[in-house]
């Protein structure tokens, strides 16, 4: 059964900001002549790694909402520096897929999500009112909370 990971994007303000940060990190890796992959490091390695690698995605919580996902390509154990503890390096596809914004509280680390718990991709979601995609994120969030969007 495919499992997904849910993670808080700490210090990230928007999906566009997430894309810029990841692009800059890939450029740094390219400059160091390393594999230019999108990596995210966490403390714990998923015990159900096979299920995560079976088509799973990393769902990002930004400003209190699940708003995007990236497909997980690989999971590796790595040490970041000499004599340091092992970490889990999560390799992600560079492509960021926006999802239907879904409110979610902040959390530490990551959590598993089953296939029935994930929000729909925006391309597969029911039609939204005309012009809704042009609203500022904060205003759109308030309108969703009021049930108007």
Protein backbone atom coordinates (compact mmCIF):
# COMPACT_ATOMS: atom_id res chain seq x y z
CA UNK A 1 0.00 0.00 0.00
CA UNK A 2 1.39 3.40 -0.98
CA UNK A 3 2.12 5.75 1.92
CA UNK A 4 2.87 9.44 1.77
CA UNK A 5 4.79 11.68 4.18
CA UNK A 6 3.45 14.92 5.65
CA UNK A 7 6.02 17.56 6.63
CA UNK A 8 6.01 21.15 7.83
CA UNK A 9 8.01 23.45 5.52
CA UNK A 10 9.79 25.43 8.25
CA UNK A 11 10.63 29.02 7.30
CA UNK A 12 8.80 28.78 3.97
CA UNK A 13 6.20 31.44 3.17
CA UNK A 14 4.61 30.08 -0.03
CA UNK A 15 4.87 27.39 -2.69
CA UNK A 16 6.85 29.82 -4.85
CA UNK A 17 9.28 30.38 -1.96
CA UNK A 18 9.68 26.60 -1.54
CA UNK A 19 10.48 26.29 -5.27
CA UNK A 20 13.09 29.08 -5.08
CA UNK A 21 14.81 27.58 -2.03
CA UNK A 22 14.95 24.12 -3.59
CA UNK A 23 16.22 25.51 -6.91
CA UNK A 24 19.03 27.36 -5.09
CA UNK A 25 20.01 24.19 -3.21
CA UNK A 26 20.16 22.21 -6.47
CA UNK A 27 22.35 24.96 -7.97
CA UNK A 28 24.71 24.72 -4.98
CA UNK A 29 24.99 20.96 -5.46
CA UNK A 30 25.64 21.43 -9.19
CA UNK A 31 28.41 23.96 -8.36
CA UNK A 32 30.01 21.37 -6.03
CA UNK A 33 29.75 18.81 -8.86
CA UNK A 34 27.35 16.68 -6.84
CA UNK A 35 24.10 15.12 -8.02
CA UNK A 36 21.65 18.07 -8.36
CA UNK A 37 18.74 16.40 -6.61
CA UNK A 38 16.16 17.96 -4.32
CA UNK A 39 17.02 16.59 -0.87
CA UNK A 40 15.23 17.00 2.41
CA UNK A 41 16.93 15.75 5.59
CA UNK A 42 15.07 14.40 8.61
CA UNK A 43 16.19 12.76 11.79
CA UNK A 44 14.25 9.50 11.47
CA UNK A 45 14.19 6.97 8.65
CA UNK A 46 10.70 5.68 7.74
CA UNK A 47 10.21 2.11 8.96
CA UNK A 48 7.76 1.58 6.11
CA UNK A 49 10.20 2.79 3.45
CA UNK A 50 9.05 0.25 0.85
CA UNK A 51 5.49 1.62 1.06
CA UNK A 52 6.74 5.21 0.79
CA UNK A 53 8.87 4.39 -2.26
CA UNK A 54 5.87 2.70 -3.91
CA UNK A 55 4.63 5.98 -5.45
CA UNK A 56 4.56 8.07 -2.26
CA UNK A 57 4.86 11.86 -2.11
CA UNK A 58 6.01 14.42 0.43
CA UNK A 59 3.05 16.68 1.27
CA UNK A 60 4.09 20.12 2.47
CA UNK A 61 2.35 22.16 5.19
CA UNK A 62 2.94 25.86 4.55
CA UNK A 63 1.36 28.51 6.79
CA UNK A 64 -1.11 26.07 8.35
CA UNK A 65 -2.29 24.36 5.16
CA UNK A 66 -1.25 21.38 3.07
CA UNK A 67 -0.69 23.14 -0.26
CA UNK A 68 1.80 21.12 -2.31
CA UNK A 69 3.43 17.76 -2.83
CA UNK A 70 6.54 16.30 -4.41
CA UNK A 71 7.02 12.67 -5.42
CA UNK A 72 9.56 10.78 -3.30
CA UNK A 73 12.22 9.18 -5.48
CA UNK A 74 14.66 7.75 -2.95
CA UNK A 75 15.38 7.36 0.76
CA UNK A 76 19.01 7.17 1.89
CA UNK A 77 20.85 7.10 5.21
CA UNK A 78 23.49 9.82 5.34
CA UNK A 79 25.79 11.52 7.78
CA UNK A 80 25.94 15.30 7.51
CA UNK A 81 29.50 15.96 8.63
CA UNK A 82 32.18 13.91 10.34
CA UNK A 83 31.21 12.04 13.49
CA UNK A 84 27.61 13.14 13.29
CA UNK A 85 24.54 11.01 13.69
CA UNK A 86 22.86 9.36 10.71
CA UNK A 87 20.01 11.22 9.03
CA UNK A 88 17.41 10.25 6.46
CA UNK A 89 17.94 11.95 3.12
CA UNK A 90 14.65 12.07 1.23
CA UNK A 91 15.19 12.53 -2.50
CA UNK A 92 12.32 14.40 -4.15
CA UNK A 93 11.33 15.12 -7.74
CA UNK A 94 12.00 18.75 -8.60
CA UNK A 95 8.42 19.21 -9.83
CA UNK A 96 6.11 20.68 -7.19
CA UNK A 97 2.42 19.82 -7.59
CA UNK A 98 -0.05 22.18 -5.95
CA UNK A 99 -2.84 20.54 -3.98
CA UNK A 100 -6.25 21.70 -2.85
CA UNK A 101 -5.37 23.75 0.27
CA UNK A 102 -6.33 21.78 3.37
CA UNK A 103 -5.97 23.16 6.89
CA UNK A 104 -3.55 21.23 9.10
CA UNK A 105 -1.91 22.02 12.40
CA UNK A 106 1.86 22.26 12.73
CA UNK A 107 3.76 19.10 13.64
CA UNK A 108 7.30 18.06 14.45
CA UNK A 109 9.10 15.64 12.17
CA UNK A 110 6.93 13.93 9.61
CA UNK A 111 3.82 11.76 9.64
CA UNK A 112 2.54 9.00 7.40
CA UNK A 113 -0.56 9.67 5.30
CA UNK A 114 -2.62 6.96 3.66
CA UNK A 115 -3.87 7.30 0.09
CA UNK A 116 -7.37 8.22 1.33
CA UNK A 117 -6.08 11.03 3.58
CA UNK A 118 -4.32 13.19 0.99
CA UNK A 119 -5.81 16.32 -0.56
CA UNK A 120 -6.57 16.33 -4.29
CA UNK A 121 -4.15 17.87 -6.75
CA UNK A 122 -5.44 21.22 -7.97
CA UNK A 123 -5.66 19.88 -11.53
CA UNK A 124 -8.02 17.12 -10.31
CA UNK A 125 -10.03 19.22 -7.84
CA UNK A 126 -13.59 20.42 -8.49
CA UNK A 127 -13.76 23.73 -10.37
CA UNK A 128 -13.15 26.84 -8.28
CA UNK A 129 -14.83 30.20 -8.80
CA UNK A 130 -13.44 32.24 -11.68
CA UNK A 131 -10.43 34.31 -10.59
CA UNK A 132 -9.92 32.41 -7.29
CA UNK A 133 -6.36 31.45 -8.26
CA UNK A 134 -5.40 35.16 -8.41
CA UNK A 135 -6.41 35.91 -4.81
CA UNK A 136 -3.60 36.56 -2.31
CA UNK A 137 -2.93 33.41 -0.25
CA UNK A 138 -4.01 34.98 3.05
CA UNK A 139 -7.31 36.20 1.63
CA UNK A 140 -8.01 32.85 -0.04
CA UNK A 141 -7.32 31.07 3.29
CA UNK A 142 -9.78 33.32 5.14
CA UNK A 143 -12.46 32.81 2.47
CA UNK A 144 -12.00 29.01 2.69
CA UNK A 145 -12.31 29.16 6.49
CA UNK A 146 -15.60 31.06 6.06
CA UNK A 147 -16.81 28.50 3.52
CA UNK A 148 -16.97 31.06 0.75
CA UNK A 149 -14.34 29.53 -1.50
